[in-house]
Amino acid sequence: MRIVIAEDDALLREGLALLLRAEALDVVATTDSPTTFLAAVDEFRPDVAIVDVRMPPTHTNEGIVAAVEARRRRPDLAVLVLSAYVEQAFATDLLAGGAVRLGYLLKERVGRVEEFLAALHRVADGGTAIDPEVVGQLFARSRPDSDLSRLSARERDVLALMAEGLGNTAIAQRLFVTDGAVHKHIRSIFAKLGLAPDDRADRRVTAVLRYLEDAQRRS
């Protein structure tokens, strides 16, 4: 796995590089600005980019803009975005259009090494990874008159874990239920959200997007 890191905080940038290299992962470049990040993507053709949301010069959304441009240049690039805070609009934009190979984590998650590495590998393997704190805040903001209000408490738990990027077996282990029970809950979620089987869409991603978009309208 070839990785480029774009982070203007030198301590975090080099700490991430040391951590990943200790895991025998190939960090091919570390950068501190959107311009040098895009140049590294063009030169090294990484499999994964780890990108800070807020970068120079204005420290607003330069990281997201650069990540979108990097994906335009290399559609197969996996992107894991890091943020110091829950920034709802960025989380929603990140998954807009049913995108895959994308993740959004709070920086504090990096200190939980096993969780961070699991999210990184999940994104690299084609999945999504949304920080549990982001998931919780978005659910809390969902509208009472939306389709999401039809979900049971356990179905909301399952959808939250789906949003984090967990598969059925991992969800079952987290909730101490059987794989069959998780499968049943997911079928019910799809039915209540009106998501019919469709080869052109990933219903898991669509379900996650549904509540992200709902929370965006609510804010």
Protein backbone atom coordinates (compact mmCIF):
# COMPACT_ATOMS: atom_id res chain seq x y z
CA MET A 1 0.00 0.00 0.00
CA ARG A 2 1.55 3.30 -1.16
CA ILE A 3 0.50 6.30 0.94
CA VAL A 4 0.81 10.08 0.65
CA ILE A 5 0.19 12.21 3.76
CA ALA A 6 -0.99 15.84 3.48
CA GLU A 7 -0.91 17.50 6.92
CA ASP A 8 0.49 20.93 7.80
CA ASP A 9 1.09 20.05 11.48
CA ALA A 10 4.66 18.74 11.34
CA LEU A 11 4.37 16.69 14.54
CA LEU A 12 1.23 14.86 13.41
CA ARG A 13 2.53 14.47 9.86
CA GLU A 14 5.77 12.82 10.90
CA GLY A 15 4.06 10.85 13.66
CA LEU A 16 1.66 9.36 11.11
CA ALA A 17 4.54 8.51 8.81
CA LEU A 18 6.44 6.74 11.61
CA LEU A 19 3.33 4.82 12.67
CA LEU A 20 2.53 3.62 9.17
CA ARG A 21 6.11 2.69 8.34
CA ALA A 22 6.27 0.70 11.56
CA GLU A 23 3.32 -1.27 10.16
CA ALA A 24 5.36 -2.00 7.00
CA LEU A 25 3.26 0.39 4.92
CA ASP A 26 4.97 2.41 2.19
CA VAL A 27 4.70 6.14 2.91
CA VAL A 28 6.00 7.54 -0.38
CA ALA A 29 5.61 11.25 0.47
CA THR A 30 4.65 13.63 3.27
CA THR A 31 3.44 17.10 2.33
CA ASP A 32 2.30 20.27 4.10
CA SER A 33 0.19 22.07 1.47
CA PRO A 34 -2.46 21.30 -1.16
CA THR A 35 -0.04 22.16 -3.97
CA THR A 36 2.72 19.80 -2.86
CA PHE A 37 0.09 17.13 -2.09
CA LEU A 38 -1.27 17.17 -5.65
CA ALA A 39 2.26 17.14 -7.04
CA ALA A 40 3.03 14.06 -4.92
CA VAL A 41 -0.14 12.31 -6.13
CA ASP A 42 0.93 12.92 -9.74
CA GLU A 43 4.51 11.81 -9.13
CA PHE A 44 4.10 8.80 -6.84
CA ARG A 45 0.62 7.52 -7.84
CA PRO A 46 -0.29 6.37 -4.30
CA ASP A 47 -3.03 3.91 -3.40
CA VAL A 48 -4.19 6.01 -0.42
CA ALA A 49 -4.03 9.68 0.51
CA ILE A 50 -4.40 10.83 4.13
CA VAL A 51 -5.48 14.47 4.02
CA ASP A 52 -6.16 17.14 6.65
CA VAL A 53 -9.38 19.11 6.06
CA ARG A 54 -7.91 22.49 7.03
CA MET A 55 -4.68 23.39 5.25
CA PRO A 56 -2.84 26.56 4.14
CA PRO A 57 -3.33 29.23 3.04
CA THR A 58 -6.73 29.90 4.67
CA HIS A 59 -7.07 26.77 6.81
CA THR A 60 -10.71 26.28 5.81
CA ASN A 61 -11.49 23.62 3.22
CA GLU A 62 -8.27 23.41 1.17
CA GLY A 63 -7.74 19.77 2.11
CA ILE A 64 -11.19 18.72 0.89
CA VAL A 65 -10.77 20.69 -2.34
CA ALA A 66 -7.37 19.08 -2.92
CA ALA A 67 -8.76 15.61 -2.17
CA VAL A 68 -11.56 16.11 -4.70
CA GLU A 69 -9.03 17.24 -7.32
CA ALA A 70 -6.77 14.26 -6.54
CA ARG A 71 -9.72 11.91 -7.07
CA ARG A 72 -10.52 13.66 -10.36
CA ARG A 73 -6.97 12.97 -11.51
CA ARG A 74 -6.93 9.45 -10.11
CA PRO A 75 -10.47 8.05 -9.64
CA ASP A 76 -9.17 4.89 -7.97
CA LEU A 77 -7.36 6.83 -5.22
CA ALA A 78 -8.58 6.01 -1.71
CA VAL A 79 -8.84 9.11 0.51
CA LEU A 80 -8.91 9.22 4.31
CA VAL A 81 -9.69 12.74 5.55
CA LEU A 82 -8.68 13.85 9.06
CA SER A 83 -10.34 16.70 10.96
CA ALA A 84 -9.92 18.15 14.44
CA TYR A 85 -13.68 18.71 14.75
CA VAL A 86 -16.95 17.32 13.41
CA GLU A 87 -17.58 19.36 10.28
CA GLN A 88 -20.89 18.08 9.00
CA ALA A 89 -20.86 19.66 5.54
CA PHE A 90 -17.47 18.13 4.77
CA ALA A 91 -18.62 14.69 5.92
CA THR A 92 -21.66 14.92 3.65
CA ASP A 93 -19.71 16.22 0.66
CA LEU A 94 -17.15 13.47 1.09
CA LEU A 95 -19.72 10.74 0.44
CA ALA A 96 -21.86 12.62 -2.07
CA GLY A 97 -22.81 10.62 -5.14
CA GLY A 98 -22.40 7.21 -3.54
CA ALA A 99 -18.62 7.46 -3.41
CA VAL A 100 -16.48 4.63 -2.09
CA ARG A 101 -12.86 4.30 -0.96
CA LEU A 102 -13.40 7.32 1.28
CA GLY A 103 -13.13 7.95 5.01
CA TYR A 104 -13.65 10.78 7.49
CA LEU A 105 -12.02 10.49 10.91
CA LEU A 106 -11.40 12.85 13.80
CA LYS A 107 -7.71 13.34 14.51
CA GLU A 108 -8.11 11.95 18.01
CA ARG A 109 -8.86 8.58 16.37
CA VAL A 110 -5.22 8.38 15.22
CA GLY A 111 -4.21 7.80 18.85
CA ARG A 112 -6.36 4.67 18.89
CA VAL A 113 -3.94 2.87 16.64
CA GLU A 114 -5.90 -0.32 15.98
CA GLU A 115 -9.08 1.59 15.08
CA PHE A 116 -7.17 4.00 12.85
CA LEU A 117 -5.36 1.22 11.01
CA ALA A 118 -8.60 -0.74 10.59
CA ALA A 119 -10.25 2.33 9.05
CA LEU A 120 -7.27 2.91 6.76
CA HIS A 121 -7.33 -0.66 5.47
CA ARG A 122 -11.13 -0.57 5.07
CA VAL A 123 -10.89 2.52 2.87
CA ALA A 124 -7.98 1.09 0.90
CA ASP A 125 -10.00 -2.07 0.27
CA GLY A 126 -12.85 -0.08 -1.28
CA GLY A 127 -15.07 0.64 1.72
CA THR A 128 -15.99 3.71 3.74
CA ALA A 129 -15.05 4.74 7.27
CA ILE A 130 -16.89 7.51 9.10
CA ASP A 131 -15.86 8.44 12.63
CA PRO A 132 -18.37 7.22 15.27
CA GLU A 133 -18.56 10.75 16.71
CA VAL A 134 -19.57 12.10 13.30
CA VAL A 135 -22.19 9.37 12.96
CA GLY A 136 -23.61 10.11 16.40
CA GLN A 137 -23.92 13.84 15.78
CA LEU A 138 -25.53 13.38 12.39
CA PHE A 139 -28.10 10.95 13.80
CA ALA A 140 -28.88 13.37 16.62
CA ARG A 141 -29.69 16.04 14.02
CA SER A 142 -31.96 13.92 11.82
CA ARG A 143 -35.47 15.29 11.32
CA PRO A 144 -38.33 13.69 13.26
CA ASP A 145 -40.49 13.66 10.11
CA SER A 146 -37.91 11.85 7.97
CA ASP A 147 -37.84 8.19 6.96
CA LEU A 148 -35.12 7.70 9.55
CA SER A 149 -37.69 8.21 12.30
CA ARG A 150 -39.27 4.92 11.22
CA LEU A 151 -36.18 2.96 12.23
CA SER A 152 -36.17 1.09 15.52
CA ALA A 153 -33.45 1.80 18.07
CA ARG A 154 -31.59 -1.36 17.08
CA GLU A 155 -31.90 -0.55 13.38
CA ARG A 156 -30.39 2.86 14.06
CA ASP A 157 -27.53 1.14 15.89
CA VAL A 158 -26.97 -1.10 12.87
CA LEU A 159 -27.08 1.81 10.41
CA ALA A 160 -24.62 3.78 12.55
CA LEU A 161 -22.16 0.88 12.43
CA MET A 162 -22.73 0.51 8.68
CA ALA A 163 -21.80 4.18 8.37
CA GLU A 164 -18.56 3.53 10.23
CA GLY A 165 -17.82 1.01 7.50
CA LEU A 166 -18.27 -2.24 9.43
CA GLY A 167 -19.41 -5.41 7.68
CA ASN A 168 -22.19 -7.66 8.94
CA THR A 169 -19.96 -9.93 11.03
CA ALA A 170 -18.22 -7.00 12.72
CA ILE A 171 -21.60 -5.38 13.43
CA ALA A 172 -22.86 -8.62 14.96
CA GLN A 173 -19.81 -8.83 17.21
CA ARG A 174 -20.19 -5.19 18.29
CA LEU A 175 -23.88 -5.62 19.14
CA PHE A 176 -23.56 -9.17 20.56
CA VAL A 177 -26.11 -10.60 18.12
CA THR A 178 -25.97 -13.17 15.33
CA ASP A 179 -25.06 -12.48 11.71
CA GLY A 180 -28.59 -13.52 10.80
CA ALA A 181 -30.08 -10.88 13.10
CA VAL A 182 -27.90 -8.19 11.52
CA HIS A 183 -28.95 -9.31 8.04
CA LYS A 184 -32.61 -9.09 9.10
CA HIS A 185 -32.14 -5.59 10.52
CA ILE A 186 -30.41 -4.42 7.34
CA ARG A 187 -33.23 -5.77 5.16
CA SER A 188 -35.68 -3.86 7.36
CA ILE A 189 -33.61 -0.66 7.09
CA PHE A 190 -33.60 -0.90 3.31
CA ALA A 191 -37.35 -1.49 3.26
CA LYS A 192 -38.16 1.44 5.57
CA LEU A 193 -35.91 3.76 3.57
CA GLY A 194 -37.46 2.60 0.31
CA LEU A 195 -34.22 1.18 -1.08
CA ALA A 196 -35.13 -1.54 -3.56
CA PRO A 197 -32.48 -3.93 -4.92
CA ASP A 198 -30.62 -2.18 -7.73
CA ASP A 199 -27.39 -3.35 -9.32
CA ARG A 200 -26.50 0.25 -10.14
CA ALA A 201 -26.35 1.39 -6.51
CA ASP A 202 -24.81 0.18 -3.27
CA ARG A 203 -27.74 0.22 -0.86
CA ARG A 204 -25.45 0.34 2.18
CA VAL A 205 -23.82 3.54 0.92
CA THR A 206 -27.19 4.94 -0.17
CA ALA A 207 -28.64 4.34 3.30
CA VAL A 208 -25.72 6.15 4.91
CA LEU A 209 -26.05 9.02 2.45
CA ARG A 210 -29.76 9.28 3.22
CA TYR A 211 -29.19 10.28 6.82
CA LEU A 212 -26.14 12.40 6.02
CA GLU A 213 -28.25 14.41 3.58
CA ASP A 214 -31.11 14.54 6.08
CA ALA A 215 -28.82 15.91 8.76
CA GLN A 216 -27.44 18.48 6.30
CA ARG A 217 -30.95 19.80 5.62
CA ARG A 218 -31.65 19.85 9.35
CA SER A 219 -28.62 21.97 10.26
